[in-house]
C-alpha cells in the first residue's frame, strides 16, 4: 500500500474519496427509505421517485419531502450534492487558485459539510425508524 502523500494526485484522490462517501450515503438513504416504507409494500425504493412531489403518500416520505424542500436542511443539501454527483460537474470541490479572488475563510470543506450531513441524517434516521416501528 502506498502511503498518502501530498503529491500532484492529492487533490483528485481527496475528491474521489469525498464523492465515494457521498455515493455510499446515497445507498444508505435508499436503504433507509426501503426500511421505513416497508409497511407500504412499495415496489420502487429509489430516492428520486419516493421523494418526488407526486411520490407515494406515506407519512415518513412526506416528512422527508418537507425536509428536502428546505435547501438549508441536511436532506436539501444532500439532494443538491447527489444531483451534482450524477452530473458531469461532480460534487467534490476543486480548490480555486485565482489570485484576483478574495479567499473566504468561512468556506467549509466538502468533507466537513458531508460529515455534518451524515450526523444530521443519523438523527433523522433514528426518528424515522422509531415512527416506522410503531406501524
C-alpha atoms as a PDB file:
ATOM      1  CA  UNK A   1       0.000   0.000   0.000  1.00  0.00           C
ATOM      2  CA  UNK A   2       1.355   3.385  -0.976  1.00  0.00           C
ATOM      3  CA  UNK A   3       1.453   5.984   1.798  1.00  0.00           C
ATOM      4  CA  UNK A   4      -0.764   9.030   1.278  1.00  0.00           C
ATOM      5  CA  UNK A   5       1.402  11.944   0.278  1.00  0.00           C
ATOM      6  CA  UNK A   6       0.854  15.493  -0.768  1.00  0.00           C
ATOM      7  CA  UNK A   7       1.734  14.920  -4.408  1.00  0.00           C
ATOM      8  CA  UNK A   8       0.144  16.035  -7.678  1.00  0.00           C
ATOM      9  CA  UNK A   9      -2.593  13.439  -7.181  1.00  0.00           C
ATOM     10  CA  UNK A  10      -3.591  14.532  -3.668  1.00  0.00           C
ATOM     11  CA  UNK A  11      -6.497  16.749  -4.785  1.00  0.00           C
ATOM     12  CA  UNK A  12      -8.048  14.226  -7.220  1.00  0.00           C
ATOM     13  CA  UNK A  13      -7.603  11.484  -4.585  1.00  0.00           C
ATOM     14  CA  UNK A  14      -9.381  13.622  -1.966  1.00  0.00           C
ATOM     15  CA  UNK A  15     -12.165  14.431  -4.424  1.00  0.00           C
ATOM     16  CA  UNK A  16     -12.602  10.754  -5.284  1.00  0.00           C
ATOM     17  CA  UNK A  17     -12.831   9.829  -1.592  1.00  0.00           C
ATOM     18  CA  UNK A  18     -15.401  12.550  -0.948  1.00  0.00           C
ATOM     19  CA  UNK A  19     -17.536  11.535  -3.924  1.00  0.00           C
ATOM     20  CA  UNK A  20     -17.357   7.856  -2.984  1.00  0.00           C
ATOM     21  CA  UNK A  21     -18.516   8.728   0.545  1.00  0.00           C
ATOM     22  CA  UNK A  22     -21.380  10.698  -0.990  1.00  0.00           C
ATOM     23  CA  UNK A  23     -22.324   7.720  -3.181  1.00  0.00           C
ATOM     24  CA  UNK A  24     -22.327   5.446  -0.125  1.00  0.00           C
ATOM     25  CA  UNK A  25     -24.589   7.902   1.684  1.00  0.00           C
ATOM     26  CA  UNK A  26     -26.961   7.730  -1.292  1.00  0.00           C
ATOM     27  CA  UNK A  27     -27.115   3.945  -0.898  1.00  0.00           C
ATOM     28  CA  UNK A  28     -27.754   4.351   2.832  1.00  0.00           C
ATOM     29  CA  UNK A  29     -30.643   6.760   2.143  1.00  0.00           C
ATOM     30  CA  UNK A  30     -32.217   4.295  -0.291  1.00  0.00           C
ATOM     31  CA  UNK A  31     -31.847   1.519   2.269  1.00  0.00           C
ATOM     32  CA  UNK A  32     -33.483   3.711   4.904  1.00  0.00           C
ATOM     33  CA  UNK A  33     -36.357   4.546   2.546  1.00  0.00           C
ATOM     34  CA  UNK A  34     -36.913   0.866   1.902  1.00  0.00           C
ATOM     35  CA  UNK A  35     -36.872   0.153   5.641  1.00  0.00           C
ATOM     36  CA  UNK A  36     -39.262   2.914   6.731  1.00  0.00           C
ATOM     37  CA  UNK A  37     -41.726   2.290   3.899  1.00  0.00           C
ATOM     38  CA  UNK A  38     -41.773  -1.484   4.298  1.00  0.00           C
ATOM     39  CA  UNK A  39     -45.304  -1.351   5.701  1.00  0.00           C
ATOM     40  CA  UNK A  40     -46.492   0.349   2.486  1.00  0.00           C
ATOM     41  CA  UNK A  41     -45.172  -2.536   0.326  1.00  0.00           C
ATOM     42  CA  UNK A  42     -43.769  -0.221  -2.340  1.00  0.00           C
ATOM     43  CA  UNK A  43     -42.205  -1.735  -5.425  1.00  0.00           C
ATOM     44  CA  UNK A  44     -39.730   1.097  -6.023  1.00  0.00           C
ATOM     45  CA  UNK A  45     -37.222   2.430  -3.498  1.00  0.00           C
ATOM     46  CA  UNK A  46     -35.090   4.921  -5.419  1.00  0.00           C
ATOM     47  CA  UNK A  47     -34.977   8.254  -3.626  1.00  0.00           C
ATOM     48  CA  UNK A  48     -35.772  10.449  -6.671  1.00  0.00           C
ATOM     49  CA  UNK A  49     -39.088   8.624  -7.123  1.00  0.00           C
ATOM     50  CA  UNK A  50     -40.035   8.335  -3.461  1.00  0.00           C
ATOM     51  CA  UNK A  51     -39.155  11.930  -2.595  1.00  0.00           C
ATOM     52  CA  UNK A  52     -40.772  13.440  -5.693  1.00  0.00           C
ATOM     53  CA  UNK A  53     -43.763  15.709  -5.083  1.00  0.00           C
ATOM     54  CA  UNK A  54     -46.007  13.129  -6.756  1.00  0.00           C
ATOM     55  CA  UNK A  55     -44.406  10.199  -4.907  1.00  0.00           C
ATOM     56  CA  UNK A  56     -46.284   7.699  -2.755  1.00  0.00           C
ATOM     57  CA  UNK A  57     -48.460   9.101   0.000  1.00  0.00           C
ATOM     58  CA  UNK A  58     -46.636   7.772   3.056  1.00  0.00           C
ATOM     59  CA  UNK A  59     -46.203   9.871   6.207  1.00  0.00           C
ATOM     60  CA  UNK A  60     -42.467   9.180   6.507  1.00  0.00           C
ATOM     61  CA  UNK A  61     -41.912  10.176   2.894  1.00  0.00           C
ATOM     62  CA  UNK A  62     -43.903  13.383   3.331  1.00  0.00           C
ATOM     63  CA  UNK A  63     -41.752  14.245   6.331  1.00  0.00           C
ATOM     64  CA  UNK A  64     -38.643  13.746   4.177  1.00  0.00           C
ATOM     65  CA  UNK A  65     -40.151  15.674   1.245  1.00  0.00           C
ATOM     66  CA  UNK A  66     -40.733  18.634   3.539  1.00  0.00           C
ATOM     67  CA  UNK A  67     -37.148  18.395   4.719  1.00  0.00           C
ATOM     68  CA  UNK A  68     -35.846  18.078   1.151  1.00  0.00           C
ATOM     69  CA  UNK A  69     -37.717  21.223   0.128  1.00  0.00           C
ATOM     70  CA  UNK A  70     -35.592  23.210   2.600  1.00  0.00           C
ATOM     71  CA  UNK A  71     -32.280  23.889   0.823  1.00  0.00           C
ATOM     72  CA  UNK A  72     -30.659  24.630   4.199  1.00  0.00           C
ATOM     73  CA  UNK A  73     -31.557  21.223   5.647  1.00  0.00           C
ATOM     74  CA  UNK A  74     -29.256  18.227   5.545  1.00  0.00           C
ATOM     75  CA  UNK A  75     -31.523  16.487   3.020  1.00  0.00           C
ATOM     76  CA  UNK A  76     -31.815  19.558   0.809  1.00  0.00           C
ATOM     77  CA  UNK A  77     -28.011  19.813   0.784  1.00  0.00           C
ATOM     78  CA  UNK A  78     -27.653  16.079   0.138  1.00  0.00           C
ATOM     79  CA  UNK A  79     -30.068  16.046  -2.798  1.00  0.00           C
ATOM     80  CA  UNK A  80     -28.303  19.024  -4.356  1.00  0.00           C
ATOM     81  CA  UNK A  81     -24.954  17.250  -3.977  1.00  0.00           C
ATOM     82  CA  UNK A  82     -26.318  13.955  -5.351  1.00  0.00           C
ATOM     83  CA  UNK A  83     -27.630  15.763  -8.410  1.00  0.00           C
ATOM     84  CA  UNK A  84     -24.176  17.297  -8.887  1.00  0.00           C
ATOM     85  CA  UNK A  85     -22.543  13.890  -8.345  1.00  0.00           C
ATOM     86  CA  UNK A  86     -24.602  12.344 -11.139  1.00  0.00           C
ATOM     87  CA  UNK A  87     -23.942  15.259 -13.492  1.00  0.00           C
ATOM     88  CA  UNK A  88     -20.769  15.871 -15.456  1.00  0.00           C
ATOM     89  CA  UNK A  89     -19.828  18.551 -12.896  1.00  0.00           C
ATOM     90  CA  UNK A  90     -19.266  16.194  -9.967  1.00  0.00           C
ATOM     91  CA  UNK A  91     -19.853  17.055  -6.327  1.00  0.00           C
ATOM     92  CA  UNK A  92     -16.394  17.418  -4.795  1.00  0.00           C
ATOM     93  CA  UNK A  93     -14.918  20.893  -4.764  1.00  0.00           C
ATOM     94  CA  UNK A  94     -11.678  21.598  -6.538  1.00  0.00           C
ATOM     95  CA  UNK A  95      -9.741  24.429  -4.887  1.00  0.00           C
ATOM     96  CA  UNK A  96      -9.649  27.660  -6.866  1.00  0.00           C
ATOM     97  CA  UNK A  97      -6.330  29.336  -7.369  1.00  0.00           C
ATOM     98  CA  UNK A  98      -7.388  32.668  -8.778  1.00  0.00           C
ATOM     99  CA  UNK A  99      -5.177  35.452  -7.451  1.00  0.00           C
ATOM    100  CA  UNK A 100      -7.849  38.051  -8.248  1.00  0.00           C
ATOM    101  CA  UNK A 101     -10.376  36.418  -5.928  1.00  0.00           C
ATOM    102  CA  UNK A 102     -10.533  37.134  -2.223  1.00  0.00           C
ATOM    103  CA  UNK A 103     -10.385  33.955  -0.155  1.00  0.00           C
ATOM    104  CA  UNK A 104     -13.289  33.384   2.191  1.00  0.00           C
ATOM    105  CA  UNK A 105     -12.313  31.867   5.500  1.00  0.00           C
ATOM    106  CA  UNK A 106     -15.852  30.663   6.108  1.00  0.00           C
ATOM    107  CA  UNK A 107     -15.984  28.310   3.137  1.00  0.00           C
ATOM    108  CA  UNK A 108     -16.433  24.848   4.589  1.00  0.00           C
ATOM    109  CA  UNK A 109     -14.597  21.875   3.196  1.00  0.00           C
ATOM    110  CA  UNK A 110     -16.814  19.415   1.343  1.00  0.00           C
ATOM    111  CA  UNK A 111     -15.751  16.641   3.733  1.00  0.00           C
ATOM    112  CA  UNK A 112     -16.838  18.740   6.732  1.00  0.00           C
ATOM    113  CA  UNK A 113     -20.201  19.514   5.115  1.00  0.00           C
ATOM    114  CA  UNK A 114     -20.662  15.835   4.293  1.00  0.00           C
ATOM    115  CA  UNK A 115     -19.865  14.826   7.869  1.00  0.00           C
ATOM    116  CA  UNK A 116     -22.403  17.338   9.213  1.00  0.00           C
ATOM    117  CA  UNK A 117     -24.957  15.935   6.748  1.00  0.00           C
ATOM    118  CA  UNK A 118     -24.242  12.370   7.894  1.00  0.00           C
ATOM    119  CA  UNK A 119     -24.652  13.315  11.549  1.00  0.00           C
ATOM    120  CA  UNK A 120     -27.975  15.047  10.853  1.00  0.00           C
ATOM    121  CA  UNK A 121     -29.104  12.109   8.726  1.00  0.00           C
ATOM    122  CA  UNK A 122     -28.353   9.698  11.576  1.00  0.00           C
ATOM    123  CA  UNK A 123     -30.613  11.669  13.902  1.00  0.00           C
ATOM    124  CA  UNK A 124     -33.398  11.758  11.324  1.00  0.00           C
ATOM    125  CA  UNK A 125     -32.988   8.048  10.591  1.00  0.00           C
ATOM    126  CA  UNK A 126     -33.400   7.200  14.262  1.00  0.00           C
ATOM    127  CA  UNK A 127     -36.593   9.260  14.446  1.00  0.00           C
ATOM    128  CA  UNK A 128     -37.974   7.679  11.275  1.00  0.00           C
ATOM    129  CA  UNK A 129     -37.179   4.188  12.488  1.00  0.00           C
ATOM    130  CA  UNK A 130     -38.984   4.924  15.728  1.00  0.00           C
ATOM    131  CA  UNK A 131     -42.048   6.148  13.841  1.00  0.00           C
ATOM    132  CA  UNK A 132     -41.885   3.205  11.439  1.00  0.00           C
ATOM    133  CA  UNK A 133     -41.621   0.699  14.303  1.00  0.00           C
ATOM    134  CA  UNK A 134     -44.987   1.905  15.591  1.00  0.00           C
ATOM    135  CA  UNK A 135     -46.576   0.546  12.436  1.00  0.00           C
END
